[in-house]
Amino acid sequence: MTDFSNHPVISDRMARLRCRECAPSDFRRYVHEIASLLVFFATKHFRVKEVEVQTPLTRTSGKVLNHPVVLVPILRAGLGLSESFQKLLPEATVAHLGMARNEQTLKPEIYLQKLPGDLEEAEIILLDPMLATGGSALAAIEVLKNQGAQRISFVCLVASPEGLGLLREKHPDVLVTCAVCDEGLNENGFIVPGLGDAGDRIFGTT
């Protein structure tokens, strides 16, 4: 797991995100700015292959991505991260997993699944702003692996130690990139200090 809680720009944007007075338009902008920084770190392990390139002057060698990229935002909050990743990886396919947390059991329930058929060959980036109990991430990873996924990365803004621990235990092969790891979970399964419900704050709903 890689977190960037000491990165000065990410620290600045996270402080702005956490503020309860942050308007949805500003919240979306700060999420976009943090996600744009995380793209570089979340993709640094991608495999490449050498190719020959004809420049205006001569032939040379270059490196291109060896596998197609599939972005998988967990709906709906994951959409807040996907735009930044799409801008820097416009060739990526965008799949969708719709999940809602049952507030009684704290377990995720899948209501939408739209995935391409070539997951086995892809570099997959799973996107969700929050890694709290870890339930949604685990459910999503299991869906992806059942469809043949071999290379999965998980990207979030805020993680809890509990969620990270569960992910490491169940799926040690999944690489995790997060902006910050917070103190822990409260009795309702929300990250503390956290930033509230990311989906509601991104889209201005309650």
N, C-alpha and C. Protein backbone atom coordinates (compact mmCIF):
# COMPACT_ATOMS: atom_id res chain seq x y z
N MET A 1 0.85 -1.20 0.00
CA MET A 1 0.00 0.00 0.00
C MET A 1 0.88 1.24 0.00
N THR A 2 0.49 2.22 -0.83
CA THR A 2 1.20 3.48 -0.88
C THR A 2 0.23 4.60 -0.55
N ASP A 3 0.57 5.41 0.47
CA ASP A 3 -0.25 6.58 0.75
C ASP A 3 0.61 7.82 0.65
N PHE A 4 -0.02 8.97 0.45
CA PHE A 4 0.69 10.21 0.17
C PHE A 4 0.27 11.31 1.14
N SER A 5 0.08 10.91 2.41
CA SER A 5 -0.37 11.87 3.41
C SER A 5 0.65 12.97 3.67
N ASN A 6 1.91 12.74 3.27
CA ASN A 6 2.94 13.77 3.44
C ASN A 6 3.18 14.60 2.19
N HIS A 7 2.47 14.29 1.12
CA HIS A 7 2.63 15.07 -0.11
C HIS A 7 1.98 16.43 0.11
N PRO A 8 2.71 17.52 -0.05
CA PRO A 8 2.16 18.84 0.32
C PRO A 8 0.91 19.24 -0.43
N VAL A 9 0.84 18.97 -1.74
CA VAL A 9 -0.35 19.36 -2.50
C VAL A 9 -1.53 18.49 -2.11
N ILE A 10 -1.31 17.19 -1.97
CA ILE A 10 -2.39 16.30 -1.56
C ILE A 10 -2.87 16.65 -0.16
N SER A 11 -1.93 16.95 0.74
CA SER A 11 -2.32 17.35 2.10
C SER A 11 -3.20 18.60 2.08
N ASP A 12 -2.83 19.56 1.25
CA ASP A 12 -3.61 20.79 1.14
C ASP A 12 -5.03 20.50 0.64
N ARG A 13 -5.14 19.71 -0.44
CA ARG A 13 -6.46 19.42 -1.00
C ARG A 13 -7.29 18.55 -0.06
N MET A 14 -6.66 17.65 0.68
CA MET A 14 -7.39 16.83 1.62
C MET A 14 -7.96 17.68 2.75
N ALA A 15 -7.21 18.66 3.22
CA ALA A 15 -7.72 19.54 4.27
C ALA A 15 -8.95 20.30 3.79
N ARG A 16 -8.93 20.72 2.53
CA ARG A 16 -10.08 21.44 1.96
C ARG A 16 -11.28 20.50 1.80
N LEU A 17 -11.02 19.26 1.38
CA LEU A 17 -12.09 18.28 1.22
C LEU A 17 -12.77 17.96 2.56
N ARG A 18 -11.99 17.85 3.60
CA ARG A 18 -12.54 17.46 4.89
C ARG A 18 -13.48 18.51 5.47
N CYS A 19 -13.29 19.76 5.11
CA CYS A 19 -14.08 20.84 5.69
C CYS A 19 -15.56 20.66 5.35
N ARG A 20 -16.41 20.70 6.35
CA ARG A 20 -17.84 20.48 6.11
C ARG A 20 -18.48 21.61 5.33
N GLU A 21 -17.81 22.76 5.25
CA GLU A 21 -18.34 23.90 4.49
C GLU A 21 -17.96 23.86 3.02
N CYS A 22 -17.20 22.84 2.61
CA CYS A 22 -16.76 22.74 1.22
C CYS A 22 -17.97 22.45 0.32
N ALA A 23 -18.23 23.34 -0.63
CA ALA A 23 -19.38 23.19 -1.53
C ALA A 23 -19.14 22.04 -2.51
N PRO A 24 -20.21 21.41 -3.01
CA PRO A 24 -20.05 20.29 -3.95
C PRO A 24 -19.16 20.61 -5.15
N SER A 25 -19.27 21.82 -5.70
CA SER A 25 -18.45 22.17 -6.86
C SER A 25 -16.97 22.18 -6.50
N ASP A 26 -16.64 22.71 -5.32
CA ASP A 26 -15.25 22.71 -4.87
C ASP A 26 -14.82 21.30 -4.49
N PHE A 27 -15.71 20.55 -3.88
CA PHE A 27 -15.39 19.18 -3.49
C PHE A 27 -15.01 18.36 -4.72
N ARG A 28 -15.80 18.48 -5.78
CA ARG A 28 -15.49 17.75 -7.02
C ARG A 28 -14.15 18.17 -7.58
N ARG A 29 -13.85 19.46 -7.52
CA ARG A 29 -12.58 19.95 -8.07
C ARG A 29 -11.40 19.40 -7.29
N TYR A 30 -11.50 19.38 -5.96
CA TYR A 30 -10.39 18.88 -5.15
C TYR A 30 -10.21 17.37 -5.33
N VAL A 31 -11.33 16.65 -5.46
CA VAL A 31 -11.24 15.21 -5.74
C VAL A 31 -10.52 14.99 -7.07
N HIS A 32 -10.90 15.77 -8.08
CA HIS A 32 -10.27 15.66 -9.39
C HIS A 32 -8.77 15.94 -9.31
N GLU A 33 -8.38 16.98 -8.56
CA GLU A 33 -6.97 17.34 -8.47
C GLU A 33 -6.16 16.26 -7.75
N ILE A 34 -6.71 15.70 -6.67
CA ILE A 34 -6.00 14.63 -5.97
C ILE A 34 -5.89 13.39 -6.87
N ALA A 35 -7.00 13.03 -7.51
CA ALA A 35 -6.99 11.86 -8.38
C ALA A 35 -5.98 12.00 -9.52
N SER A 36 -5.86 13.22 -10.06
CA SER A 36 -4.90 13.45 -11.15
C SER A 36 -3.48 13.17 -10.70
N LEU A 37 -3.17 13.47 -9.43
CA LEU A 37 -1.85 13.18 -8.90
C LEU A 37 -1.67 11.68 -8.65
N LEU A 38 -2.73 11.01 -8.21
CA LEU A 38 -2.64 9.60 -7.90
C LEU A 38 -2.47 8.72 -9.13
N VAL A 39 -2.91 9.22 -10.31
CA VAL A 39 -2.80 8.42 -11.54
C VAL A 39 -1.37 7.95 -11.76
N PHE A 40 -0.42 8.84 -11.58
CA PHE A 40 0.98 8.51 -11.88
C PHE A 40 1.50 7.40 -10.97
N PHE A 41 1.11 7.45 -9.70
CA PHE A 41 1.58 6.45 -8.75
C PHE A 41 0.84 5.13 -8.90
N ALA A 42 -0.43 5.20 -9.26
CA ALA A 42 -1.23 3.99 -9.39
C ALA A 42 -0.87 3.18 -10.63
N THR A 43 -0.17 3.80 -11.58
CA THR A 43 0.16 3.11 -12.83
C THR A 43 1.65 2.81 -12.98
N LYS A 44 2.45 3.14 -11.98
CA LYS A 44 3.91 3.02 -12.15
C LYS A 44 4.38 1.58 -12.29
N HIS A 45 3.55 0.61 -11.87
CA HIS A 45 3.92 -0.80 -11.96
C HIS A 45 3.45 -1.44 -13.26
N PHE A 46 2.75 -0.69 -14.11
CA PHE A 46 2.22 -1.27 -15.36
C PHE A 46 3.37 -1.81 -16.22
N ARG A 47 3.12 -2.94 -16.85
CA ARG A 47 4.13 -3.53 -17.72
C ARG A 47 4.14 -2.83 -19.08
N VAL A 48 5.33 -2.75 -19.66
CA VAL A 48 5.48 -2.11 -20.97
C VAL A 48 6.22 -3.05 -21.91
N LYS A 49 6.15 -2.73 -23.20
CA LYS A 49 6.91 -3.47 -24.19
C LYS A 49 7.59 -2.48 -25.12
N GLU A 50 8.72 -2.90 -25.67
CA GLU A 50 9.47 -2.01 -26.56
C GLU A 50 8.91 -2.08 -27.98
N VAL A 51 8.87 -0.91 -28.61
CA VAL A 51 8.42 -0.81 -30.01
C VAL A 51 9.38 0.11 -30.75
N GLU A 52 9.37 -0.02 -32.08
CA GLU A 52 10.14 0.91 -32.90
C GLU A 52 9.24 2.08 -33.30
N VAL A 53 9.81 3.28 -33.24
CA VAL A 53 9.05 4.50 -33.55
C VAL A 53 9.80 5.28 -34.62
N GLN A 54 9.08 5.73 -35.62
CA GLN A 54 9.66 6.59 -36.65
C GLN A 54 9.40 8.03 -36.26
N THR A 55 10.45 8.74 -35.86
CA THR A 55 10.32 10.17 -35.55
C THR A 55 10.46 10.96 -36.86
N PRO A 56 10.24 12.27 -36.84
CA PRO A 56 10.46 13.06 -38.06
C PRO A 56 11.90 12.99 -38.58
N LEU A 57 12.85 12.53 -37.71
CA LEU A 57 14.26 12.54 -38.09
C LEU A 57 14.87 11.16 -38.29
N THR A 58 14.41 10.19 -37.48
CA THR A 58 15.05 8.88 -37.55
C THR A 58 14.15 7.85 -36.88
N ARG A 59 14.64 6.60 -36.88
CA ARG A 59 13.93 5.56 -36.15
C ARG A 59 14.57 5.41 -34.78
N THR A 60 13.72 5.12 -33.77
CA THR A 60 14.23 4.93 -32.42
C THR A 60 13.34 3.91 -31.72
N SER A 61 13.71 3.55 -30.53
CA SER A 61 12.89 2.62 -29.76
C SER A 61 12.08 3.39 -28.73
N GLY A 62 10.95 2.85 -28.38
CA GLY A 62 10.11 3.45 -27.35
C GLY A 62 9.41 2.35 -26.57
N LYS A 63 8.67 2.73 -25.57
CA LYS A 63 7.95 1.76 -24.74
C LYS A 63 6.47 2.15 -24.69
N VAL A 64 5.62 1.17 -24.84
CA VAL A 64 4.18 1.38 -24.76
C VAL A 64 3.60 0.38 -23.77
N LEU A 65 2.41 0.68 -23.29
CA LEU A 65 1.76 -0.22 -22.33
C LEU A 65 1.53 -1.59 -22.95
N ASN A 66 1.82 -2.62 -22.18
CA ASN A 66 1.73 -3.98 -22.68
C ASN A 66 0.32 -4.56 -22.59
N HIS A 67 -0.52 -3.97 -21.76
CA HIS A 67 -1.87 -4.50 -21.56
C HIS A 67 -2.90 -3.37 -21.69
N PRO A 68 -4.10 -3.68 -22.17
CA PRO A 68 -5.16 -2.67 -22.17
C PRO A 68 -5.51 -2.30 -20.74
N VAL A 69 -6.06 -1.10 -20.58
CA VAL A 69 -6.42 -0.60 -19.25
C VAL A 69 -7.93 -0.56 -19.13
N VAL A 70 -8.43 -1.04 -17.99
CA VAL A 70 -9.86 -0.98 -17.69
C VAL A 70 -10.05 -0.24 -16.37
N LEU A 71 -10.79 0.84 -16.42
CA LEU A 71 -11.15 1.58 -15.20
C LEU A 71 -12.48 1.06 -14.70
N VAL A 72 -12.56 0.80 -13.40
CA VAL A 72 -13.80 0.29 -12.81
C VAL A 72 -14.18 1.15 -11.61
N PRO A 73 -14.92 2.25 -11.84
CA PRO A 73 -15.43 3.01 -10.70
C PRO A 73 -16.56 2.25 -10.02
N ILE A 74 -16.52 2.21 -8.70
CA ILE A 74 -17.64 1.65 -7.94
C ILE A 74 -18.67 2.76 -7.80
N LEU A 75 -19.85 2.54 -8.37
CA LEU A 75 -20.89 3.56 -8.35
C LEU A 75 -21.46 3.70 -6.95
N ARG A 76 -21.79 4.96 -6.63
CA ARG A 76 -21.68 6.06 -7.57
C ARG A 76 -20.46 6.92 -7.30
N ALA A 77 -19.93 6.85 -6.08
CA ALA A 77 -18.86 7.75 -5.67
C ALA A 77 -17.60 7.59 -6.51
N GLY A 78 -17.35 6.37 -7.03
CA GLY A 78 -16.16 6.15 -7.82
C GLY A 78 -16.10 6.98 -9.08
N LEU A 79 -17.25 7.46 -9.55
CA LEU A 79 -17.28 8.33 -10.73
C LEU A 79 -16.51 9.61 -10.49
N GLY A 80 -16.43 10.04 -9.24
CA GLY A 80 -15.67 11.25 -8.93
C GLY A 80 -14.19 11.12 -9.20
N LEU A 81 -13.67 9.90 -9.21
CA LEU A 81 -12.26 9.66 -9.50
C LEU A 81 -12.02 9.32 -10.97
N SER A 82 -13.03 8.74 -11.62
CA SER A 82 -12.79 8.19 -12.96
C SER A 82 -12.47 9.25 -14.00
N GLU A 83 -13.04 10.45 -13.87
CA GLU A 83 -12.79 11.49 -14.87
C GLU A 83 -11.30 11.81 -14.98
N SER A 84 -10.63 11.93 -13.85
CA SER A 84 -9.20 12.24 -13.86
C SER A 84 -8.40 11.13 -14.52
N PHE A 85 -8.75 9.88 -14.23
CA PHE A 85 -8.04 8.76 -14.82
C PHE A 85 -8.32 8.67 -16.32
N GLN A 86 -9.55 8.97 -16.73
CA GLN A 86 -9.88 8.94 -18.16
C GLN A 86 -9.12 10.01 -18.94
N LYS A 87 -8.90 11.16 -18.34
CA LYS A 87 -8.19 12.23 -19.05
C LYS A 87 -6.75 11.84 -19.35
N LEU A 88 -6.13 11.13 -18.43
CA LEU A 88 -4.74 10.74 -18.63
C LEU A 88 -4.61 9.38 -19.30
N LEU A 89 -5.69 8.60 -19.29
CA LEU A 89 -5.70 7.29 -19.96
C LEU A 89 -6.93 7.21 -20.86
N PRO A 90 -6.99 8.07 -21.89
CA PRO A 90 -8.20 8.12 -22.72
C PRO A 90 -8.46 6.83 -23.49
N GLU A 91 -7.44 6.01 -23.64
CA GLU A 91 -7.63 4.74 -24.36
C GLU A 91 -8.28 3.68 -23.47
N ALA A 92 -8.42 3.95 -22.19
CA ALA A 92 -8.96 2.95 -21.25
C ALA A 92 -10.44 2.68 -21.50
N THR A 93 -10.83 1.45 -21.28
CA THR A 93 -12.24 1.07 -21.24
C THR A 93 -12.77 1.41 -19.85
N VAL A 94 -14.01 1.88 -19.78
CA VAL A 94 -14.61 2.20 -18.48
C VAL A 94 -15.74 1.21 -18.21
N ALA A 95 -15.53 0.36 -17.22
CA ALA A 95 -16.56 -0.57 -16.77
C ALA A 95 -17.26 0.05 -15.56
N HIS A 96 -18.33 -0.57 -15.08
CA HIS A 96 -19.05 -0.03 -13.93
C HIS A 96 -19.52 -1.15 -13.02
N LEU A 97 -19.36 -0.92 -11.72
CA LEU A 97 -19.95 -1.79 -10.70
C LEU A 97 -20.79 -0.91 -9.78
N GLY A 98 -22.08 -1.18 -9.73
CA GLY A 98 -22.96 -0.43 -8.85
C GLY A 98 -23.15 -1.16 -7.55
N MET A 99 -22.81 -0.50 -6.43
CA MET A 99 -22.96 -1.10 -5.11
C MET A 99 -23.58 -0.11 -4.15
N ALA A 100 -24.42 -0.62 -3.27
CA ALA A 100 -24.99 0.21 -2.21
C ALA A 100 -24.78 -0.52 -0.89
N ARG A 101 -24.42 0.25 0.13
CA ARG A 101 -24.18 -0.37 1.43
C ARG A 101 -25.49 -0.51 2.20
N ASN A 102 -25.75 -1.72 2.68
CA ASN A 102 -26.88 -1.95 3.56
C ASN A 102 -26.51 -1.39 4.93
N GLU A 103 -27.21 -0.36 5.36
CA GLU A 103 -26.84 0.34 6.59
C GLU A 103 -27.09 -0.50 7.84
N GLN A 104 -27.82 -1.60 7.71
CA GLN A 104 -28.05 -2.48 8.85
C GLN A 104 -26.91 -3.48 9.00
N THR A 105 -26.53 -4.11 7.89
CA THR A 105 -25.48 -5.13 7.93
C THR A 105 -24.10 -4.56 7.63
N LEU A 106 -24.06 -3.34 7.08
CA LEU A 106 -22.82 -2.70 6.62
C LEU A 106 -22.18 -3.46 5.46
N LYS A 107 -22.94 -4.35 4.83
CA LYS A 107 -22.42 -5.14 3.71
C LYS A 107 -22.91 -4.56 2.38
N PRO A 108 -22.09 -4.66 1.31
CA PRO A 108 -22.48 -4.11 0.01
C PRO A 108 -23.46 -5.00 -0.73
N GLU A 109 -24.32 -4.38 -1.50
CA GLU A 109 -25.24 -5.11 -2.36
C GLU A 109 -25.04 -4.62 -3.79
N ILE A 110 -24.77 -5.54 -4.72
CA ILE A 110 -24.50 -5.19 -6.12
C ILE A 110 -25.82 -5.02 -6.86
N TYR A 111 -25.98 -3.86 -7.52
CA TYR A 111 -27.19 -3.63 -8.29
C TYR A 111 -26.90 -3.39 -9.78
N LEU A 112 -25.62 -3.28 -10.16
CA LEU A 112 -25.26 -3.08 -11.56
C LEU A 112 -23.88 -3.67 -11.81
N GLN A 113 -23.74 -4.37 -12.93
CA GLN A 113 -22.45 -4.95 -13.30
C GLN A 113 -22.29 -4.88 -14.81
N LYS A 114 -21.41 -3.98 -15.28
CA LYS A 114 -21.14 -3.83 -16.70
C LYS A 114 -19.62 -3.93 -16.90
N LEU A 115 -19.17 -5.09 -17.36
CA LEU A 115 -17.74 -5.35 -17.50
C LEU A 115 -17.43 -5.82 -18.91
N PRO A 116 -16.24 -5.47 -19.43
CA PRO A 116 -15.84 -5.98 -20.74
C PRO A 116 -15.46 -7.45 -20.64
N GLY A 117 -15.25 -8.08 -21.79
CA GLY A 117 -14.98 -9.50 -21.79
C GLY A 117 -13.52 -9.89 -21.73
N ASP A 118 -12.60 -8.93 -21.74
CA ASP A 118 -11.17 -9.25 -21.82
C ASP A 118 -10.43 -8.89 -20.53
N LEU A 119 -11.04 -9.09 -19.38
CA LEU A 119 -10.41 -8.69 -18.12
C LEU A 119 -9.11 -9.45 -17.85
N GLU A 120 -9.01 -10.66 -18.36
CA GLU A 120 -7.81 -11.46 -18.11
C GLU A 120 -6.55 -10.80 -18.66
N GLU A 121 -6.68 -10.05 -19.75
CA GLU A 121 -5.53 -9.41 -20.39
C GLU A 121 -5.29 -7.99 -19.92
N ALA A 122 -6.15 -7.46 -19.06
CA ALA A 122 -6.13 -6.02 -18.76
C ALA A 122 -5.41 -5.68 -17.45
N GLU A 123 -4.95 -4.43 -17.42
CA GLU A 123 -4.56 -3.79 -16.17
C GLU A 123 -5.83 -3.10 -15.66
N ILE A 124 -6.31 -3.51 -14.50
CA ILE A 124 -7.58 -3.01 -13.99
C ILE A 124 -7.34 -2.08 -12.81
N ILE A 125 -7.97 -0.90 -12.88
CA ILE A 125 -7.89 0.07 -11.79
C ILE A 125 -9.28 0.22 -11.20
N LEU A 126 -9.44 -0.25 -9.98
CA LEU A 126 -10.71 -0.15 -9.26
C LEU A 126 -10.72 1.16 -8.48
N LEU A 127 -11.78 1.94 -8.64
CA LEU A 127 -11.82 3.29 -8.09
C LEU A 127 -12.97 3.46 -7.10
N ASP A 128 -12.65 3.92 -5.90
CA ASP A 128 -13.66 4.23 -4.88
C ASP A 128 -13.03 5.23 -3.92
N PRO A 129 -13.66 6.38 -3.66
CA PRO A 129 -13.04 7.38 -2.80
C PRO A 129 -12.70 6.89 -1.39
N MET A 130 -13.53 5.97 -0.85
CA MET A 130 -13.36 5.56 0.54
C MET A 130 -13.13 4.05 0.64
N LEU A 131 -12.15 3.66 1.46
CA LEU A 131 -11.96 2.26 1.83
C LEU A 131 -12.22 2.19 3.33
N ALA A 132 -13.46 1.91 3.70
CA ALA A 132 -13.87 1.93 5.12
C ALA A 132 -13.78 0.53 5.71
N THR A 133 -14.89 -0.18 5.75
CA THR A 133 -14.85 -1.56 6.27
C THR A 133 -14.14 -2.50 5.30
N GLY A 134 -14.08 -2.10 4.04
CA GLY A 134 -13.45 -2.95 3.02
C GLY A 134 -14.44 -3.84 2.31
N GLY A 135 -15.70 -3.82 2.73
CA GLY A 135 -16.69 -4.72 2.15
C GLY A 135 -16.92 -4.50 0.67
N SER A 136 -17.08 -3.24 0.25
CA SER A 136 -17.32 -2.95 -1.16
C SER A 136 -16.12 -3.33 -2.01
N ALA A 137 -14.93 -3.00 -1.52
CA ALA A 137 -13.71 -3.34 -2.28
C ALA A 137 -13.58 -4.85 -2.44
N LEU A 138 -13.81 -5.60 -1.36
CA LEU A 138 -13.70 -7.06 -1.44
C LEU A 138 -14.72 -7.63 -2.41
N ALA A 139 -15.95 -7.15 -2.33
CA ALA A 139 -16.99 -7.64 -3.23
C ALA A 139 -16.65 -7.35 -4.68
N ALA A 140 -16.14 -6.13 -4.94
CA ALA A 140 -15.77 -5.75 -6.30
C ALA A 140 -14.61 -6.60 -6.82
N ILE A 141 -13.61 -6.80 -5.99
CA ILE A 141 -12.45 -7.60 -6.39
C ILE A 141 -12.86 -9.03 -6.70
N GLU A 142 -13.75 -9.58 -5.89
CA GLU A 142 -14.22 -10.95 -6.13
C GLU A 142 -14.98 -11.05 -7.45
N VAL A 143 -15.80 -10.04 -7.75
CA VAL A 143 -16.50 -10.02 -9.04
C VAL A 143 -15.50 -10.01 -10.19
N LEU A 144 -14.49 -9.14 -10.09
CA LEU A 144 -13.50 -9.00 -11.14
C LEU A 144 -12.69 -10.29 -11.32
N LYS A 145 -12.26 -10.88 -10.22
CA LYS A 145 -11.48 -12.11 -10.32
C LYS A 145 -12.32 -13.26 -10.86
N ASN A 146 -13.59 -13.30 -10.51
CA ASN A 146 -14.46 -14.34 -11.05
C ASN A 146 -14.64 -14.21 -12.56
N GLN A 147 -14.41 -12.99 -13.08
CA GLN A 147 -14.49 -12.75 -14.52
C GLN A 147 -13.13 -12.88 -15.20
N GLY A 148 -12.12 -13.33 -14.44
CA GLY A 148 -10.82 -13.61 -15.03
C GLY A 148 -9.74 -12.58 -14.79
N ALA A 149 -10.02 -11.52 -14.04
CA ALA A 149 -9.02 -10.46 -13.82
C ALA A 149 -7.79 -11.01 -13.12
N GLN A 150 -6.61 -10.61 -13.62
CA GLN A 150 -5.33 -11.07 -13.07
C GLN A 150 -4.55 -9.94 -12.41
N ARG A 151 -4.71 -8.72 -12.92
CA ARG A 151 -3.92 -7.58 -12.44
C ARG A 151 -4.88 -6.46 -12.00
N ILE A 152 -5.04 -6.31 -10.70
CA ILE A 152 -5.99 -5.35 -10.15
C ILE A 152 -5.27 -4.38 -9.22
N SER A 153 -5.54 -3.09 -9.41
CA SER A 153 -5.08 -2.06 -8.49
C SER A 153 -6.32 -1.39 -7.90
N PHE A 154 -6.20 -0.96 -6.66
CA PHE A 154 -7.31 -0.25 -5.99
C PHE A 154 -6.83 1.14 -5.62
N VAL A 155 -7.62 2.16 -6.01
CA VAL A 155 -7.27 3.55 -5.73
C VAL A 155 -8.38 4.21 -4.93
N CYS A 156 -8.01 4.88 -3.85
CA CYS A 156 -8.99 5.60 -3.04
C CYS A 156 -8.38 6.89 -2.51
N LEU A 157 -9.24 7.75 -1.99
CA LEU A 157 -8.77 8.98 -1.35
C LEU A 157 -8.40 8.72 0.10
N VAL A 158 -9.32 8.08 0.84
CA VAL A 158 -9.14 7.87 2.27
C VAL A 158 -9.36 6.40 2.59
N ALA A 159 -8.45 5.83 3.37
CA ALA A 159 -8.56 4.44 3.79
C ALA A 159 -8.53 4.36 5.31
N SER A 160 -9.13 3.30 5.83
CA SER A 160 -9.04 2.99 7.26
C SER A 160 -8.05 1.86 7.45
N PRO A 161 -7.39 1.78 8.61
CA PRO A 161 -6.51 0.64 8.87
C PRO A 161 -7.26 -0.69 8.80
N GLU A 162 -8.53 -0.69 9.23
CA GLU A 162 -9.32 -1.92 9.20
C GLU A 162 -9.55 -2.39 7.76
N GLY A 163 -9.93 -1.46 6.90
CA GLY A 163 -10.16 -1.82 5.51
C GLY A 163 -8.89 -2.29 4.82
N LEU A 164 -7.79 -1.59 5.07
CA LEU A 164 -6.51 -1.98 4.48
C LEU A 164 -6.08 -3.37 4.96
N GLY A 165 -6.28 -3.62 6.25
CA GLY A 165 -5.90 -4.91 6.81
C GLY A 165 -6.68 -6.05 6.18
N LEU A 166 -7.98 -5.83 5.99
CA LEU A 166 -8.82 -6.85 5.39
C LEU A 166 -8.42 -7.10 3.94
N LEU A 167 -8.12 -6.03 3.22
CA LEU A 167 -7.72 -6.17 1.82
C LEU A 167 -6.39 -6.93 1.70
N ARG A 168 -5.45 -6.61 2.57
CA ARG A 168 -4.17 -7.32 2.56
C ARG A 168 -4.35 -8.80 2.85
N GLU A 169 -5.25 -9.09 3.81
CA GLU A 169 -5.48 -10.48 4.21
C GLU A 169 -6.13 -11.29 3.10
N LYS A 170 -7.16 -10.73 2.46
CA LYS A 170 -7.93 -11.48 1.48
C LYS A 170 -7.34 -11.43 0.08
N HIS A 171 -6.73 -10.30 -0.27
CA HIS A 171 -6.21 -10.13 -1.63
C HIS A 171 -4.84 -9.43 -1.59
N PRO A 172 -3.81 -10.12 -1.12
CA PRO A 172 -2.48 -9.50 -1.02
C PRO A 172 -1.88 -9.11 -2.37
N ASP A 173 -2.43 -9.64 -3.46
CA ASP A 173 -1.91 -9.34 -4.79
C ASP A 173 -2.43 -8.01 -5.34
N VAL A 174 -3.44 -7.43 -4.69
CA VAL A 174 -4.03 -6.18 -5.17
C VAL A 174 -3.22 -4.99 -4.62
N LEU A 175 -2.73 -4.16 -5.52
CA LEU A 175 -1.94 -3.00 -5.12
C LEU A 175 -2.87 -1.85 -4.76
N VAL A 176 -2.63 -1.22 -3.61
CA VAL A 176 -3.50 -0.15 -3.11
C VAL A 176 -2.75 1.18 -3.12
N THR A 177 -3.38 2.19 -3.70
CA THR A 177 -2.87 3.56 -3.67
C THR A 177 -3.95 4.43 -3.03
N CYS A 178 -3.60 5.16 -1.98
CA CYS A 178 -4.57 6.05 -1.35
C CYS A 178 -3.90 7.37 -0.99
N ALA A 179 -4.70 8.42 -0.93
CA ALA A 179 -4.16 9.73 -0.58
C ALA A 179 -3.76 9.78 0.88
N VAL A 180 -4.57 9.16 1.76
CA VAL A 180 -4.27 9.21 3.19
C VAL A 180 -4.93 8.02 3.89
N CYS A 181 -4.28 7.51 4.93
CA CYS A 181 -4.86 6.49 5.79
C CYS A 181 -5.25 7.16 7.10
N ASP A 182 -6.54 7.10 7.45
CA ASP A 182 -7.05 7.78 8.63
C ASP A 182 -6.95 6.91 9.88
N GLU A 183 -7.53 7.43 10.99
CA GLU A 183 -7.37 6.79 12.30
C GLU A 183 -8.10 5.46 12.41
N GLY A 184 -9.33 5.38 11.91
CA GLY A 184 -10.09 4.15 12.04
C GLY A 184 -11.56 4.36 11.76
N LEU A 185 -12.37 3.40 12.18
CA LEU A 185 -13.81 3.42 11.94
C LEU A 185 -14.57 3.73 13.23
N ASN A 186 -15.71 4.42 13.10
CA ASN A 186 -16.57 4.61 14.27
C ASN A 186 -17.57 3.46 14.37
N GLU A 187 -18.50 3.55 15.33
CA GLU A 187 -19.43 2.45 15.56
C GLU A 187 -20.38 2.21 14.39
N ASN A 188 -20.49 3.20 13.50
CA ASN A 188 -21.36 3.06 12.33
C ASN A 188 -20.61 2.62 11.07
N GLY A 189 -19.33 2.34 11.22
CA GLY A 189 -18.53 1.89 10.08
C GLY A 189 -18.05 2.99 9.17
N PHE A 190 -18.07 4.26 9.66
CA PHE A 190 -17.57 5.37 8.86
C PHE A 190 -16.15 5.73 9.29
N ILE A 191 -15.35 6.17 8.31
CA ILE A 191 -13.96 6.52 8.59
C ILE A 191 -13.89 7.81 9.40
N VAL A 192 -13.02 7.80 10.43
CA VAL A 192 -12.79 8.97 11.27
C VAL A 192 -11.31 9.35 11.18
N PRO A 193 -10.97 10.65 10.97
CA PRO A 193 -11.88 11.79 10.83
C PRO A 193 -12.65 11.82 9.52
N GLY A 194 -12.12 11.17 8.48
CA GLY A 194 -12.85 11.04 7.23
C GLY A 194 -13.21 12.35 6.57
N LEU A 195 -14.22 12.27 5.70
CA LEU A 195 -14.71 13.48 5.03
C LEU A 195 -16.21 13.39 4.75
N GLY A 196 -16.88 12.48 5.47
CA GLY A 196 -18.32 12.31 5.27
C GLY A 196 -18.61 11.34 4.15
N ASP A 197 -19.85 11.36 3.67
CA ASP A 197 -20.25 10.50 2.56
C ASP A 197 -19.76 11.11 1.25
N ALA A 198 -18.75 10.46 0.64
CA ALA A 198 -18.11 11.04 -0.55
C ALA A 198 -19.10 11.18 -1.69
N GLY A 199 -19.99 10.20 -1.88
CA GLY A 199 -20.95 10.29 -2.97
C GLY A 199 -21.88 11.45 -2.81
N ASP A 200 -22.42 11.64 -1.62
CA ASP A 200 -23.32 12.77 -1.36
C ASP A 200 -22.60 14.10 -1.56
N ARG A 201 -21.35 14.17 -1.13
CA ARG A 201 -20.64 15.45 -1.23
C ARG A 201 -20.18 15.73 -2.65
N ILE A 202 -19.90 14.71 -3.43
CA ILE A 202 -19.53 14.91 -4.83
C ILE A 202 -20.72 15.40 -5.64
N PHE A 203 -21.88 14.78 -5.40
CA PHE A 203 -23.05 15.06 -6.23
C PHE A 203 -24.06 16.01 -5.60
N GLY A 204 -23.76 16.47 -4.37
CA GLY A 204 -24.64 17.46 -3.75
C GLY A 204 -25.94 16.89 -3.26
N THR A 205 -25.97 15.59 -2.93
CA THR A 205 -27.19 14.95 -2.43
C THR A 205 -27.06 14.68 -0.94
N THR A 206 -28.14 14.24 -0.34
CA THR A 206 -28.11 13.92 1.09
C THR A 206 -28.69 12.53 1.34
